[in-house]
């Protein structure tokens, strides 16, 4: 399973620090 950050990067989105933090929070809340 790929993380949100990996999915965004492979979609060509630039991962800014803010987006990275949001993605980490979303990843953490998925369990």
N, C-alpha and C. Protein backbone atom coordinates (compact mmCIF):
# COMPACT_ATOMS: atom_id res chain seq x y z
N UNK A 1 0.84 -1.20 0.00
CA UNK A 1 0.00 0.00 0.00
C UNK A 1 0.88 1.25 0.00
N UNK A 2 0.63 2.13 -0.94
CA UNK A 2 1.46 3.32 -1.03
C UNK A 2 0.90 4.41 -0.13
N UNK A 3 1.80 5.22 0.38
CA UNK A 3 1.36 6.30 1.25
C UNK A 3 0.77 7.43 0.41
N UNK A 4 0.08 8.32 1.07
CA UNK A 4 -0.52 9.46 0.37
C UNK A 4 0.58 10.29 -0.29
N UNK A 5 1.69 10.46 0.40
CA UNK A 5 2.80 11.25 -0.15
C UNK A 5 3.28 10.62 -1.45
N UNK A 6 3.47 9.30 -1.45
CA UNK A 6 3.94 8.62 -2.66
C UNK A 6 2.93 8.77 -3.79
N UNK A 7 1.65 8.65 -3.48
CA UNK A 7 0.63 8.79 -4.51
C UNK A 7 0.65 10.19 -5.11
N UNK A 8 0.78 11.19 -4.26
CA UNK A 8 0.80 12.57 -4.74
C UNK A 8 2.02 12.82 -5.61
N UNK A 9 3.17 12.31 -5.17
CA UNK A 9 4.39 12.51 -5.95
C UNK A 9 4.29 11.82 -7.29
N UNK A 10 3.70 10.63 -7.33
CA UNK A 10 3.61 9.93 -8.60
C UNK A 10 2.56 10.56 -9.50
N UNK A 11 1.65 11.33 -8.92
CA UNK A 11 0.67 12.06 -9.72
C UNK A 11 1.25 13.36 -10.24
N UNK A 12 2.46 13.67 -9.84
CA UNK A 12 3.12 14.88 -10.32
C UNK A 12 2.87 16.09 -9.45
N UNK A 13 2.29 15.90 -8.27
CA UNK A 13 2.07 17.03 -7.38
C UNK A 13 3.37 17.37 -6.66
N UNK A 14 3.62 18.66 -6.52
CA UNK A 14 4.78 19.06 -5.72
C UNK A 14 4.39 18.94 -4.26
N UNK A 15 5.21 18.18 -3.51
CA UNK A 15 4.89 18.00 -2.11
C UNK A 15 5.57 19.09 -1.28
N UNK A 16 4.81 20.11 -0.95
CA UNK A 16 5.33 21.14 -0.07
C UNK A 16 5.31 20.63 1.36
N UNK A 17 5.98 21.32 2.26
CA UNK A 17 5.99 20.90 3.66
C UNK A 17 4.57 20.80 4.20
N UNK A 18 3.74 21.77 3.84
CA UNK A 18 2.37 21.77 4.35
C UNK A 18 1.62 20.53 3.89
N UNK A 19 1.74 20.21 2.61
CA UNK A 19 1.04 19.03 2.09
C UNK A 19 1.57 17.76 2.73
N UNK A 20 2.89 17.75 2.98
CA UNK A 20 3.51 16.58 3.59
C UNK A 20 2.93 16.34 4.99
N UNK A 21 2.78 17.43 5.74
CA UNK A 21 2.22 17.32 7.10
C UNK A 21 0.78 16.82 7.01
N UNK A 22 0.01 17.38 6.09
CA UNK A 22 -1.39 16.95 5.95
C UNK A 22 -1.44 15.48 5.57
N UNK A 23 -0.58 15.06 4.66
CA UNK A 23 -0.58 13.66 4.23
C UNK A 23 -0.21 12.75 5.39
N UNK A 24 0.75 13.18 6.22
CA UNK A 24 1.13 12.36 7.37
C UNK A 24 -0.04 12.21 8.33
N UNK A 25 -0.76 13.30 8.56
CA UNK A 25 -1.90 13.24 9.48
C UNK A 25 -2.97 12.31 8.91
N UNK A 26 -3.22 12.42 7.61
CA UNK A 26 -4.22 11.55 6.99
C UNK A 26 -3.78 10.10 7.08
N UNK A 27 -2.50 9.84 6.82
CA UNK A 27 -1.99 8.47 6.92
C UNK A 27 -2.17 7.94 8.35
N UNK A 28 -1.88 8.78 9.32
CA UNK A 28 -1.96 8.34 10.71
C UNK A 28 -3.40 8.07 11.14
N UNK A 29 -4.34 8.78 10.53
CA UNK A 29 -5.73 8.63 10.96
C UNK A 29 -6.44 7.50 10.24
N UNK A 30 -5.72 6.81 9.34
CA UNK A 30 -6.38 5.77 8.55
C UNK A 30 -6.53 4.44 9.28
N UNK A 31 -5.86 4.25 10.42
CA UNK A 31 -6.00 2.98 11.10
C UNK A 31 -7.24 3.00 11.96
